[in-house]
N, C-alpha and C. Protein backbone atom coordinates (compact mmCIF):
# COMPACT_ATOMS: atom_id res chain seq x y z
N MET A 1 -4.96 -13.70 4.48
CA MET A 1 -5.63 -12.30 3.90
C MET A 1 -7.14 -12.55 4.17
N TYR A 2 -7.35 -11.35 5.34
CA TYR A 2 -8.38 -11.99 5.82
C TYR A 2 -9.30 -10.14 5.22
N ASN A 3 -10.79 -9.90 5.08
CA ASN A 3 -11.32 -8.90 4.47
C ASN A 3 -12.16 -8.13 5.58
N LYS A 4 -12.04 -7.26 6.25
CA LYS A 4 -12.69 -7.00 7.15
C LYS A 4 -13.70 -5.95 6.48
N CYS A 5 -13.30 -5.66 5.56
CA CYS A 5 -14.20 -4.54 4.42
C CYS A 5 -15.86 -4.96 4.88
N THR A 6 -17.13 -4.33 4.26
CA THR A 6 -17.84 -4.40 4.19
C THR A 6 -18.28 -4.71 2.88
N HIS A 7 -17.13 -4.90 2.21
CA HIS A 7 -17.62 -4.12 0.42
C HIS A 7 -16.27 -5.30 -0.06
N PRO A 8 -16.25 -6.01 -1.51
CA PRO A 8 -15.15 -6.94 -1.78
C PRO A 8 -14.04 -5.75 -1.87
N VAL A 9 -12.94 -6.67 -1.59
CA VAL A 9 -11.73 -5.92 -2.25
C VAL A 9 -10.56 -6.89 -2.80
N TRP A 10 -9.85 -6.54 -3.88
CA TRP A 10 -9.62 -7.34 -4.53
C TRP A 10 -7.64 -6.82 -4.46
N PRO A 11 -7.47 -7.64 -4.21
CA PRO A 11 -5.74 -7.99 -3.29
C PRO A 11 -5.51 -7.76 -4.51
N GLY A 12 -3.94 -7.09 -5.33
CA GLY A 12 -3.26 -6.87 -5.89
C GLY A 12 -2.13 -7.54 -5.20
N ILE A 13 -0.83 -8.21 -6.08
CA ILE A 13 0.55 -8.92 -5.70
C ILE A 13 1.28 -8.11 -6.40
N GLN A 14 2.37 -7.48 -6.29
CA GLN A 14 3.79 -7.92 -7.13
C GLN A 14 5.44 -7.72 -6.43
N PRO A 15 5.75 -9.22 -7.19
CA PRO A 15 6.58 -9.41 -6.61
C PRO A 15 7.59 -8.87 -7.08
N GLY A 16 8.99 -8.95 -5.90
CA GLY A 16 10.06 -8.00 -6.49
C GLY A 16 11.13 -8.92 -7.31
N ALA A 17 12.11 -8.24 -7.83
CA ALA A 17 13.06 -8.59 -8.93
C ALA A 17 13.18 -10.13 -8.91
N GLY A 18 12.86 -11.20 -9.89
CA GLY A 18 13.28 -12.38 -10.03
C GLY A 18 12.77 -12.88 -9.31
N LYS A 19 11.18 -12.26 -8.30
CA LYS A 19 10.73 -13.40 -7.82
C LYS A 19 9.37 -14.03 -8.29
N PRO A 20 8.80 -15.06 -7.77
CA PRO A 20 7.21 -15.64 -8.37
C PRO A 20 5.99 -14.45 -8.40
N ILE A 21 5.47 -14.62 -9.60
CA ILE A 21 4.09 -14.24 -9.46
C ILE A 21 3.24 -15.17 -8.51
N LEU A 22 2.40 -14.47 -7.70
CA LEU A 22 2.13 -15.86 -6.71
C LEU A 22 0.29 -15.12 -7.06
N ALA A 23 -1.08 -16.34 -7.35
CA ALA A 23 -1.86 -15.67 -7.37
C ALA A 23 -2.42 -15.37 -8.55
N ARG A 24 -1.39 -15.57 -9.47
CA ARG A 24 -1.53 -14.66 -10.91
C ARG A 24 -1.38 -13.40 -10.92
N GLY A 25 -1.43 -12.51 -9.80
CA GLY A 25 -1.10 -11.50 -9.08
C GLY A 25 -2.08 -10.64 -8.90
N GLY A 26 -3.57 -11.43 -8.57
CA GLY A 26 -4.85 -10.67 -8.30
C GLY A 26 -5.93 -11.24 -8.34
N PHE A 27 -6.91 -11.46 -7.27
CA PHE A 27 -7.79 -11.96 -7.41
C PHE A 27 -9.23 -11.37 -6.27
N VAL A 28 -10.36 -11.87 -6.24
CA VAL A 28 -11.61 -10.76 -5.89
C VAL A 28 -11.35 -11.76 -4.26
N LEU A 29 -11.54 -10.89 -3.10
CA LEU A 29 -11.33 -11.51 -1.84
C LEU A 29 -13.01 -10.60 -1.14
N PRO A 30 -14.20 -11.71 -0.72
CA PRO A 30 -15.54 -11.00 -0.65
C PRO A 30 -15.49 -10.89 0.56
N PRO A 31 -16.32 -9.89 1.21
CA PRO A 31 -16.08 -9.52 2.64
C PRO A 31 -16.05 -10.22 3.71
N ALA A 32 -15.91 -10.35 4.58
CA ALA A 32 -15.56 -11.52 5.91
C ALA A 32 -15.46 -12.97 5.49
N LYS A 33 -14.20 -12.78 4.54
CA LYS A 33 -14.05 -14.20 3.98
C LYS A 33 -12.29 -14.18 3.77
N SER A 34 -11.78 -15.08 3.78
CA SER A 34 -9.84 -15.30 3.45
C SER A 34 -9.32 -15.97 2.23
N TYR A 35 -7.92 -15.63 2.70
CA TYR A 35 -7.55 -16.40 1.05
C TYR A 35 -6.22 -16.68 1.99
N SER A 36 -5.47 -17.53 1.65
CA SER A 36 -4.36 -18.14 2.21
C SER A 36 -3.58 -18.57 0.92
N LEU A 37 -2.31 -17.73 1.26
CA LEU A 37 -0.94 -17.39 0.20
C LEU A 37 -0.07 -18.06 0.63
N HIS A 38 0.72 -18.58 -0.10
CA HIS A 38 1.46 -19.59 0.70
C HIS A 38 2.83 -18.86 -0.35
N LEU A 39 3.73 -18.47 0.94
CA LEU A 39 4.96 -17.48 0.17
C LEU A 39 6.44 -18.13 0.26
N PRO A 40 7.13 -18.68 -0.89
CA PRO A 40 7.85 -19.43 -1.37
C PRO A 40 9.29 -18.59 -0.53
N ALA A 41 10.24 -19.53 0.19
CA ALA A 41 11.51 -18.91 0.59
C ALA A 41 11.91 -17.89 -0.05
N ALA A 42 12.46 -16.80 0.26
CA ALA A 42 13.14 -15.88 0.28
C ALA A 42 12.30 -14.73 -0.53
N TRP A 43 11.10 -14.68 -0.87
CA TRP A 43 10.14 -14.18 -1.63
C TRP A 43 10.04 -12.53 -0.82
N SER A 44 10.01 -11.88 -1.87
CA SER A 44 9.69 -10.63 -1.35
C SER A 44 8.59 -10.01 -2.63
N GLY A 45 8.27 -9.06 -2.14
CA GLY A 45 7.17 -8.06 -2.48
C GLY A 45 6.46 -7.57 -1.86
N ARG A 46 5.06 -6.34 -2.69
CA ARG A 46 4.03 -5.98 -1.89
C ARG A 46 2.91 -6.23 -2.58
N ILE A 47 1.49 -6.11 -1.67
CA ILE A 47 0.65 -6.55 -1.39
C ILE A 47 -0.65 -5.18 -1.15
N TRP A 48 -1.59 -5.20 -2.03
CA TRP A 48 -2.23 -3.72 -2.41
C TRP A 48 -3.33 -4.75 -2.18
N GLY A 49 -4.77 -3.11 -1.88
CA GLY A 49 -5.69 -3.97 -2.03
C GLY A 49 -6.59 -2.80 -3.17
N ARG A 50 -7.40 -3.68 -4.00
CA ARG A 50 -8.33 -2.43 -4.95
C ARG A 50 -9.48 -2.59 -4.41
N HIS A 51 -10.59 -1.28 -4.99
CA HIS A 51 -11.74 -1.53 -4.56
C HIS A 51 -12.46 -1.14 -5.80
N GLY A 52 -13.77 -0.76 -5.82
CA GLY A 52 -14.81 -0.87 -6.80
C GLY A 52 -14.27 -1.38 -8.56
N CYS A 53 -13.96 -2.04 -7.67
CA CYS A 53 -13.45 -2.95 -9.47
C CYS A 53 -14.67 -3.81 -9.87
N SER A 54 -14.62 -3.59 -11.67
CA SER A 54 -15.53 -4.72 -12.24
C SER A 54 -15.06 -4.57 -13.39
N PHE A 55 -15.35 -6.57 -13.71
CA PHE A 55 -14.13 -7.01 -14.81
C PHE A 55 -15.51 -7.75 -15.33
N ASP A 56 -14.90 -8.28 -16.49
CA ASP A 56 -15.86 -8.74 -17.48
C ASP A 56 -15.56 -10.53 -17.45
N SER A 57 -15.69 -11.19 -18.11
CA SER A 57 -15.67 -13.01 -17.92
C SER A 57 -13.93 -13.01 -18.41
N SER A 58 -13.88 -12.16 -18.89
CA SER A 58 -12.25 -12.45 -19.39
C SER A 58 -11.20 -11.86 -19.04
N GLY A 59 -11.79 -11.09 -17.52
CA GLY A 59 -10.86 -10.23 -16.72
C GLY A 59 -10.47 -9.10 -16.51
N ARG A 60 -11.01 -8.81 -17.82
CA ARG A 60 -10.85 -7.21 -18.03
C ARG A 60 -11.77 -6.26 -17.39
N GLY A 61 -11.33 -5.02 -17.30
CA GLY A 61 -11.82 -4.36 -16.75
C GLY A 61 -11.63 -2.92 -15.85
N ARG A 62 -11.95 -2.10 -14.80
CA ARG A 62 -11.37 -1.42 -13.86
C ARG A 62 -11.27 -1.22 -12.57
N CYS A 63 -10.53 -0.56 -11.63
CA CYS A 63 -11.02 -0.34 -10.06
C CYS A 63 -10.77 0.89 -10.18
N ALA A 64 -11.33 1.26 -8.98
CA ALA A 64 -11.52 2.85 -8.94
C ALA A 64 -10.02 2.97 -8.00
N THR A 65 -9.69 2.54 -7.43
CA THR A 65 -7.92 2.56 -6.52
C THR A 65 -7.64 1.11 -7.34
N GLY A 66 -5.70 1.54 -7.37
CA GLY A 66 -5.23 0.65 -7.30
C GLY A 66 -4.85 -0.17 -7.96
N ASP A 67 -5.71 0.06 -9.50
CA ASP A 67 -5.56 -0.62 -10.32
C ASP A 67 -4.37 -0.96 -11.25
N CYS A 68 -4.23 -2.16 -11.60
CA CYS A 68 -2.97 -2.70 -11.96
C CYS A 68 -3.12 -2.87 -13.84
N GLY A 69 -3.58 -1.76 -14.86
CA GLY A 69 -3.55 -2.13 -16.03
C GLY A 69 -4.91 -3.03 -16.37
N GLY A 70 -5.91 -2.44 -15.67
CA GLY A 70 -7.22 -2.78 -16.07
C GLY A 70 -7.75 -4.29 -16.29
N SER A 71 -6.34 -5.19 -15.14
CA SER A 71 -6.77 -6.44 -15.25
C SER A 71 -7.26 -6.73 -14.05
N LEU A 72 -8.44 -8.18 -13.55
CA LEU A 72 -7.68 -8.79 -12.64
C LEU A 72 -6.65 -9.39 -12.07
N PHE A 73 -5.78 -10.00 -12.89
CA PHE A 73 -4.70 -10.72 -12.68
C PHE A 73 -3.32 -9.55 -13.16
N CYS A 74 -2.95 -9.05 -12.09
CA CYS A 74 -2.14 -7.77 -12.55
C CYS A 74 -0.77 -8.73 -12.75
N ASN A 75 -0.89 -10.26 -12.44
CA ASN A 75 0.61 -10.44 -13.35
C ASN A 75 2.12 -9.82 -13.61
N GLY A 76 2.05 -9.29 -11.95
CA GLY A 76 3.70 -8.76 -11.86
C GLY A 76 3.86 -7.14 -12.48
N ILE A 77 2.23 -6.64 -12.67
CA ILE A 77 2.48 -5.71 -12.73
C ILE A 77 2.25 -4.83 -11.28
N GLY A 78 2.41 -3.31 -11.26
CA GLY A 78 2.59 -2.66 -9.77
C GLY A 78 1.09 -1.99 -9.83
N GLY A 79 0.32 -1.48 -8.72
CA GLY A 79 -1.10 -0.71 -8.62
C GLY A 79 -0.62 0.68 -9.01
N THR A 80 -1.82 1.27 -9.80
CA THR A 80 -1.55 3.04 -10.10
C THR A 80 -2.16 3.28 -8.94
N PRO A 81 -1.09 4.57 -8.29
CA PRO A 81 -1.00 5.42 -6.75
C PRO A 81 -2.71 6.24 -7.01
N PRO A 82 -3.34 6.43 -5.81
CA PRO A 82 -2.79 6.13 -5.09
C PRO A 82 -3.42 4.50 -4.21
N ALA A 83 -2.49 3.94 -3.11
CA ALA A 83 -2.55 2.83 -2.70
C ALA A 83 -1.89 2.06 -1.79
N THR A 84 -2.50 2.21 -0.71
CA THR A 84 -1.93 1.59 0.93
C THR A 84 -0.89 0.00 0.56
N LEU A 85 0.34 0.41 0.70
CA LEU A 85 1.32 -1.28 0.83
C LEU A 85 1.44 -1.79 1.67
N ALA A 86 1.51 -3.20 1.77
CA ALA A 86 1.92 -3.90 2.74
C ALA A 86 3.10 -4.66 2.07
N GLU A 87 4.17 -4.49 2.57
CA GLU A 87 5.53 -5.33 2.16
C GLU A 87 6.28 -5.82 2.58
N ILE A 88 6.10 -7.05 1.97
CA ILE A 88 7.12 -8.29 3.19
C ILE A 88 8.47 -8.77 1.74
N THR A 89 9.41 -8.89 2.66
CA THR A 89 10.61 -9.79 2.17
C THR A 89 10.90 -10.70 3.00
N LEU A 90 10.93 -12.37 3.13
CA LEU A 90 11.11 -12.80 3.62
C LEU A 90 12.61 -13.75 3.80
N GLY A 91 13.78 -13.64 4.62
CA GLY A 91 14.87 -13.96 4.68
C GLY A 91 15.46 -15.21 5.39
N SER A 92 16.59 -15.34 5.30
CA SER A 92 16.68 -16.86 5.52
C SER A 92 17.05 -16.65 7.51
N GLU A 93 16.92 -15.73 8.00
CA GLU A 93 17.32 -15.86 9.04
C GLU A 93 16.20 -14.97 9.96
N GLN A 94 15.83 -13.41 9.10
CA GLN A 94 14.57 -12.57 9.69
C GLN A 94 14.18 -12.47 8.30
N ASP A 95 12.83 -12.12 8.63
CA ASP A 95 11.68 -11.77 7.51
C ASP A 95 11.40 -10.10 8.49
N PHE A 96 10.78 -9.22 7.02
CA PHE A 96 10.90 -7.68 7.05
C PHE A 96 9.73 -7.82 6.53
N TYR A 97 8.86 -6.85 7.33
CA TYR A 97 7.80 -6.05 6.50
C TYR A 97 7.07 -5.02 7.36
N ASP A 98 6.31 -4.47 6.42
CA ASP A 98 6.00 -2.74 6.67
C ASP A 98 4.49 -2.74 5.99
N VAL A 99 3.26 -1.62 6.62
CA VAL A 99 2.69 -1.28 5.74
C VAL A 99 3.61 0.27 5.54
N SER A 100 3.37 0.69 4.17
CA SER A 100 3.11 1.99 3.46
C SER A 100 2.76 2.94 3.05
N LEU A 101 2.60 3.83 3.18
CA LEU A 101 2.41 4.99 2.64
C LEU A 101 2.87 5.95 1.14
N VAL A 102 3.50 5.13 1.09
CA VAL A 102 4.98 5.62 0.05
C VAL A 102 4.02 6.09 -0.96
N ASP A 103 3.27 5.00 -1.27
CA ASP A 103 2.49 5.91 -2.96
C ASP A 103 1.11 6.16 -2.55
N GLY A 104 0.86 6.92 -1.41
CA GLY A 104 -0.45 7.19 -0.96
C GLY A 104 -1.36 6.13 -0.01
N TYR A 105 -2.97 6.52 -0.09
CA TYR A 105 -3.76 5.97 0.68
C TYR A 105 -4.98 5.70 0.32
N ASN A 106 -5.25 4.25 -0.01
CA ASN A 106 -6.47 4.16 -0.19
C ASN A 106 -7.62 3.22 0.79
N LEU A 107 -6.85 2.27 1.00
CA LEU A 107 -7.72 1.09 2.28
C LEU A 107 -7.05 0.92 3.16
N ALA A 108 -7.79 0.26 4.17
CA ALA A 108 -6.60 0.44 5.84
C ALA A 108 -6.30 -0.94 5.41
N ILE A 109 -5.05 -1.06 5.66
CA ILE A 109 -4.52 -2.65 5.75
C ILE A 109 -3.83 -2.64 7.13
N SER A 110 -3.57 -4.01 7.56
CA SER A 110 -2.45 -4.13 9.21
C SER A 110 -2.17 -6.04 8.57
N ILE A 111 -0.79 -5.50 9.03
CA ILE A 111 0.03 -7.41 9.72
C ILE A 111 -0.03 -7.77 10.63
N SER A 112 -0.54 -8.70 11.10
CA SER A 112 -0.32 -9.48 12.26
C SER A 112 0.38 -10.76 12.33
N PRO A 113 1.64 -10.94 12.74
CA PRO A 113 2.22 -12.16 12.65
C PRO A 113 1.46 -13.03 13.62
N LEU A 114 1.32 -14.87 13.52
CA LEU A 114 1.24 -15.24 13.71
C LEU A 114 1.79 -16.67 14.38
N LYS A 115 2.17 -17.10 15.49
CA LYS A 115 2.71 -18.44 15.21
C LYS A 115 4.15 -18.15 15.04
N GLY A 116 4.91 -17.30 15.28
CA GLY A 116 6.36 -16.85 15.11
C GLY A 116 7.17 -17.81 15.76
N SER A 117 8.53 -18.22 15.13
CA SER A 117 9.46 -18.67 16.37
C SER A 117 10.65 -17.25 15.47
N GLY A 118 12.07 -17.86 16.82
CA GLY A 118 13.35 -17.27 16.36
C GLY A 118 13.31 -16.36 17.80
N SER A 119 13.94 -15.08 17.44
CA SER A 119 14.12 -14.32 18.59
C SER A 119 13.71 -13.04 18.45
N GLY A 120 13.94 -13.00 17.05
CA GLY A 120 13.01 -11.32 17.15
C GLY A 120 11.66 -11.16 17.64
N LYS A 121 11.51 -10.03 17.08
CA LYS A 121 10.17 -9.47 17.74
C LYS A 121 9.27 -9.07 16.55
N CYS A 122 7.95 -10.13 16.29
CA CYS A 122 7.45 -9.75 15.40
C CYS A 122 6.10 -9.21 16.12
N SER A 123 5.91 -7.33 15.71
CA SER A 123 4.68 -7.14 16.05
C SER A 123 3.83 -6.95 14.58
N TYR A 124 2.72 -5.80 15.43
CA TYR A 124 1.74 -5.48 14.46
C TYR A 124 2.50 -4.37 13.87
N ALA A 125 1.93 -4.24 13.05
CA ALA A 125 2.24 -3.17 11.64
C ALA A 125 0.94 -3.11 10.56
N GLY A 126 0.32 -1.48 10.94
CA GLY A 126 -0.53 -1.20 10.37
C GLY A 126 -1.39 -0.18 10.06
N CYS A 127 -1.93 0.58 9.12
CA CYS A 127 -2.84 1.85 9.11
C CYS A 127 -4.48 1.43 9.18
N VAL A 128 -4.77 1.45 10.60
CA VAL A 128 -6.31 1.36 10.07
C VAL A 128 -7.47 2.11 10.17
N ARG A 129 -6.77 2.70 10.36
CA ARG A 129 -7.94 4.27 10.32
C ARG A 129 -8.35 5.13 9.07
N ASP A 130 -9.17 5.67 8.78
CA ASP A 130 -9.69 5.77 7.28
C ASP A 130 -8.91 6.95 7.01
N LEU A 131 -7.79 7.11 6.42
CA LEU A 131 -6.75 8.64 5.94
C LEU A 131 -7.68 9.10 5.00
N ASN A 132 -9.06 8.91 4.61
CA ASN A 132 -9.70 9.40 3.57
C ASN A 132 -10.53 10.79 4.30
N MET A 133 -10.57 10.24 5.08
CA MET A 133 -11.69 11.32 6.00
C MET A 133 -11.20 12.46 6.10
N MET A 134 -9.79 12.30 6.18
CA MET A 134 -8.60 13.82 6.82
C MET A 134 -7.91 14.29 5.77
N CYS A 135 -7.70 13.60 4.05
CA CYS A 135 -7.43 13.66 3.37
C CYS A 135 -7.38 15.77 2.82
N PRO A 136 -5.82 16.23 2.58
CA PRO A 136 -6.64 17.97 2.06
C PRO A 136 -6.90 17.46 1.43
N VAL A 137 -7.54 18.62 0.34
CA VAL A 137 -8.51 18.70 -0.75
C VAL A 137 -7.59 18.29 -1.99
N GLY A 138 -6.19 18.88 -2.16
CA GLY A 138 -5.20 18.64 -3.09
C GLY A 138 -4.43 17.69 -2.99
N LEU A 139 -5.12 16.38 -2.15
CA LEU A 139 -4.45 15.17 -2.03
C LEU A 139 -5.56 14.16 -2.79
N GLN A 140 -6.75 14.86 -2.68
CA GLN A 140 -8.05 13.74 -2.76
C GLN A 140 -8.41 13.52 -4.42
N VAL A 141 -8.52 11.37 -4.23
CA VAL A 141 -8.94 11.53 -5.15
C VAL A 141 -10.92 10.94 -4.68
N ARG A 142 -11.61 11.17 -5.90
CA ARG A 142 -12.70 11.31 -5.08
C ARG A 142 -13.49 10.52 -6.81
N SER A 143 -14.72 9.88 -6.06
CA SER A 143 -15.60 9.19 -6.53
C SER A 143 -16.07 9.28 -8.06
N ARG A 144 -16.62 9.26 -8.44
CA ARG A 144 -17.39 9.31 -9.87
C ARG A 144 -18.30 10.71 -9.95
N ASP A 145 -18.62 10.54 -8.65
CA ASP A 145 -20.50 11.11 -8.72
C ASP A 145 -19.84 12.30 -7.99
N ASN A 146 -18.55 12.35 -7.12
CA ASN A 146 -17.33 13.21 -6.37
C ASN A 146 -18.39 13.51 -5.24
N ARG A 147 -19.10 12.61 -4.45
CA ARG A 147 -19.25 12.63 -3.41
C ARG A 147 -18.70 12.23 -2.35
N ARG A 148 -17.84 11.18 -2.24
CA ARG A 148 -16.78 10.98 -1.71
C ARG A 148 -15.29 11.12 -1.68
N VAL A 149 -14.40 10.87 -0.67
CA VAL A 149 -12.85 10.51 -1.32
C VAL A 149 -12.92 9.18 -1.17
N VAL A 150 -11.96 8.34 -2.19
CA VAL A 150 -11.93 7.04 -2.47
C VAL A 150 -10.51 6.93 -2.01
N ALA A 151 -9.56 7.68 -2.28
CA ALA A 151 -7.97 7.09 -2.08
C ALA A 151 -7.62 8.92 -1.85
N CYS A 152 -6.24 8.73 -1.38
CA CYS A 152 -5.35 10.19 -0.80
C CYS A 152 -4.17 10.18 -1.36
N LYS A 153 -3.58 11.03 -2.16
CA LYS A 153 -2.28 10.99 -3.13
C LYS A 153 -1.65 11.18 -2.49
N SER A 154 -0.06 10.02 -2.39
CA SER A 154 1.11 10.92 -1.76
C SER A 154 1.64 12.23 -2.39
N ALA A 155 2.44 13.63 -1.91
CA ALA A 155 2.20 15.15 -2.21
C ALA A 155 3.16 14.64 -2.67
N CYS A 156 3.96 14.15 -3.12
CA CYS A 156 5.07 14.04 -4.24
C CYS A 156 4.51 13.44 -5.43
N PHE A 157 3.02 12.40 -4.92
CA PHE A 157 2.73 12.21 -6.22
C PHE A 157 2.17 13.28 -7.25
N ALA A 158 0.94 13.91 -5.89
CA ALA A 158 0.37 15.17 -6.35
C ALA A 158 1.06 16.05 -7.01
N PHE A 159 1.87 16.51 -6.42
CA PHE A 159 2.67 17.73 -6.91
C PHE A 159 4.11 17.24 -7.82
N ASN A 160 4.33 16.20 -7.85
CA ASN A 160 5.54 16.09 -8.43
C ASN A 160 6.54 17.41 -8.16
N SER A 161 7.07 17.79 -6.81
CA SER A 161 7.74 18.24 -6.65
C SER A 161 8.97 18.16 -5.83
N PRO A 162 9.96 18.43 -5.85
CA PRO A 162 11.58 17.65 -5.29
C PRO A 162 11.09 17.94 -4.23
N ARG A 163 10.93 19.44 -3.70
CA ARG A 163 10.28 19.55 -1.96
C ARG A 163 9.61 18.43 -1.24
N TYR A 164 8.72 17.56 -2.09
CA TYR A 164 7.51 16.33 -1.76
C TYR A 164 8.44 15.23 -1.87
N CYS A 165 9.36 15.13 -3.13
CA CYS A 165 9.72 13.80 -3.46
C CYS A 165 11.02 13.68 -2.82
N CYS A 166 11.60 14.42 -2.08
CA CYS A 166 12.89 14.31 -1.40
C CYS A 166 14.17 13.57 -2.48
N THR A 167 14.07 15.03 -3.58
CA THR A 167 14.90 14.93 -4.81
C THR A 167 16.02 16.03 -5.11
N GLY A 168 16.50 15.57 -5.81
CA GLY A 168 17.46 16.79 -6.23
C GLY A 168 17.62 17.43 -5.09
N SER A 169 17.62 19.05 -4.76
CA SER A 169 18.30 19.78 -3.30
C SER A 169 17.86 19.34 -2.32
N PHE A 170 16.41 18.36 -2.38
CA PHE A 170 16.06 18.05 -1.12
C PHE A 170 16.07 16.33 -0.77
N GLY A 171 17.49 15.67 -1.37
CA GLY A 171 17.97 14.82 -1.51
C GLY A 171 18.22 13.96 -0.28
N SER A 172 18.78 14.90 0.14
CA SER A 172 19.56 14.33 2.05
C SER A 172 18.34 14.67 2.77
N PRO A 173 18.87 13.41 4.25
CA PRO A 173 17.43 13.30 5.35
C PRO A 173 17.90 14.61 5.90
N GLN A 174 19.32 15.85 5.77
CA GLN A 174 18.93 16.97 5.91
C GLN A 174 18.06 18.51 5.56
N SER A 175 18.28 17.70 4.55
CA SER A 175 17.39 18.54 3.53
C SER A 175 15.91 17.97 3.37
N CYS A 176 15.54 17.23 3.55
CA CYS A 176 14.12 16.58 3.38
C CYS A 176 13.68 16.54 4.62
N LYS A 177 12.81 17.64 5.00
CA LYS A 177 12.11 17.52 6.49
C LYS A 177 10.53 17.68 6.31
N PRO A 178 9.86 17.32 7.42
CA PRO A 178 8.49 17.04 7.51
C PRO A 178 7.81 18.39 7.02
N THR A 179 6.02 17.80 6.18
CA THR A 179 5.73 18.57 5.60
C THR A 179 4.22 18.94 6.47
N ALA A 180 3.94 19.58 5.92
CA ALA A 180 2.15 20.05 6.74
C ALA A 180 1.43 18.40 6.33
N TYR A 181 1.68 18.30 4.52
CA TYR A 181 0.91 16.97 4.27
C TYR A 181 1.61 15.70 4.73
N SER A 182 2.71 15.77 5.07
CA SER A 182 3.50 14.19 6.34
C SER A 182 3.09 14.20 7.13
N ARG A 183 3.16 15.47 8.04
CA ARG A 183 3.06 14.92 9.38
C ARG A 183 1.26 14.68 9.72
N ILE A 184 0.28 15.35 8.36
CA ILE A 184 -1.25 14.89 9.38
C ILE A 184 -0.85 13.18 9.11
N PHE A 185 -0.35 12.76 8.31
CA PHE A 185 -0.21 11.29 7.97
C PHE A 185 0.31 10.33 8.97
N LYS A 186 1.03 11.31 9.51
CA LYS A 186 2.17 10.52 10.53
C LYS A 186 1.54 10.63 12.12
N GLU A 187 0.79 11.81 12.09
CA GLU A 187 0.29 11.53 13.50
C GLU A 187 -0.87 11.23 13.69
N SER A 188 -1.42 10.69 12.95
CA SER A 188 -3.10 10.19 12.54
C SER A 188 -2.52 8.23 12.72
N TRP A 189 -1.47 8.42 11.89
CA TRP A 189 -0.97 6.64 12.08
C TRP A 189 -0.33 6.64 13.19
N ALA A 190 0.56 7.11 14.08
CA ALA A 190 1.25 7.15 15.08
C ALA A 190 0.21 6.89 16.16
N ALA A 191 -0.71 7.81 16.17
CA ALA A 191 -1.57 7.77 17.22
C ALA A 191 -3.04 6.28 17.41
N ASP A 192 -2.72 5.89 16.11
CA ASP A 192 -3.46 4.12 15.13
C ASP A 192 -2.73 3.23 16.06
N LEU A 193 -1.63 3.70 15.84
CA LEU A 193 -0.33 2.36 16.22
C LEU A 193 0.05 2.36 18.21
N GLY A 194 -0.43 3.42 18.52
CA GLY A 194 -0.30 3.13 19.56
C GLY A 194 1.96 3.92 20.01
N PHE A 195 2.29 3.54 18.89
CA PHE A 195 3.73 3.27 19.16
C PHE A 195 4.39 3.43 18.03
N GLY A 196 5.47 4.23 17.91
CA GLY A 196 6.07 4.73 16.63
C GLY A 196 7.66 3.59 16.18
N ARG A 197 7.73 2.43 16.50
CA ARG A 197 8.59 1.68 15.96
C ARG A 197 8.78 1.23 14.12
N HIS A 198 7.44 1.35 14.42
CA HIS A 198 7.12 0.61 12.47
C HIS A 198 7.44 1.70 11.26
N GLN A 199 8.00 1.02 10.36
CA GLN A 199 8.55 1.95 9.23
C GLN A 199 7.21 2.64 8.83
N ILE A 200 7.25 3.69 8.69
CA ILE A 200 6.09 4.84 8.30
C ILE A 200 6.70 5.87 6.74
N GLU A 201 6.50 5.01 5.81
CA GLU A 201 7.53 6.05 4.65
C GLU A 201 6.49 6.92 3.84
N ILE A 202 6.35 7.93 4.74
CA ILE A 202 5.82 9.17 3.90
C ILE A 202 6.59 10.70 4.31
N GLU A 203 7.39 10.15 5.45
CA GLU A 203 8.10 12.13 5.01
C GLU A 203 9.56 11.87 3.67
N LYS A 204 9.37 10.38 3.60
CA LYS A 204 10.41 10.63 2.40
C LYS A 204 9.71 9.75 1.23
N GLU A 205 9.00 10.51 0.82
CA GLU A 205 8.26 9.81 -0.98
C GLU A 205 9.22 9.34 -1.88
N ARG A 206 10.09 8.31 -1.57
CA ARG A 206 10.70 8.03 -2.77
C ARG A 206 10.40 6.94 -3.45
N SER A 207 11.30 7.36 -5.15
CA SER A 207 10.64 6.28 -6.32
C SER A 207 10.98 5.25 -5.68
N ARG A 208 10.65 4.17 -6.37
CA ARG A 208 10.98 2.78 -6.34
C ARG A 208 11.25 1.96 -7.30
N GLU A 209 12.30 1.37 -7.47
CA GLU A 209 13.18 0.73 -8.58
C GLU A 209 12.00 -0.39 -8.63
N GLY A 210 12.04 0.21 -10.51
CA GLY A 210 11.13 -1.14 -10.89
C GLY A 210 9.58 -1.01 -10.67
N ARG A 211 9.32 0.36 -10.31
CA ARG A 211 7.68 0.20 -10.34
C ARG A 211 7.30 0.67 -11.48
N LYS A 212 6.45 -0.71 -11.60
CA LYS A 212 4.99 0.02 -12.84
C LYS A 212 3.61 0.30 -12.33
N ALA A 213 3.08 0.70 -13.22
CA ALA A 213 1.53 1.32 -12.97
C ALA A 213 0.88 1.08 -14.86
């Protein structure tokens, strides 16, 4: 991991069911610093960035976005939405990864594979535009002083409506159509990537099995 931000970021890590917790689930990463994290074989999970954090000597505190129970060490707990997610699944023959906005957006994240082997096409995936700058008013999470947008909710999280969550009568691909909110993110993200092959999980904002907040 490498922090390209001009401010500290506190990565949070939540393993998939039955997978080990890595680095106690969270740590601080100063600007322009890197952190090497070894992923065991067959590991799966999600990584997100927290910012605006303050912790005491015991590791208790809070983050402005992506908070995991008020602790520096998430220890298997997921981040409170909205938070941009990097999702990784290591397989026996192929590995899978994506950057997802299913839980909303707070910080830019990208994944750039290095030194890969095999016949798979390992491409860049990410969302590095500041989507907080274009976040609709109804989805905004603002700073304590109300001067700036620090995160952007998903429409599902903001309105808890079947139309935006693709549940109930909107639970099929035929009935769950793009909305004005999802189009804003998809269009800005596709322009950022330059191509649309990567997984963009914003039109079907679905619930995640085993999510903890």
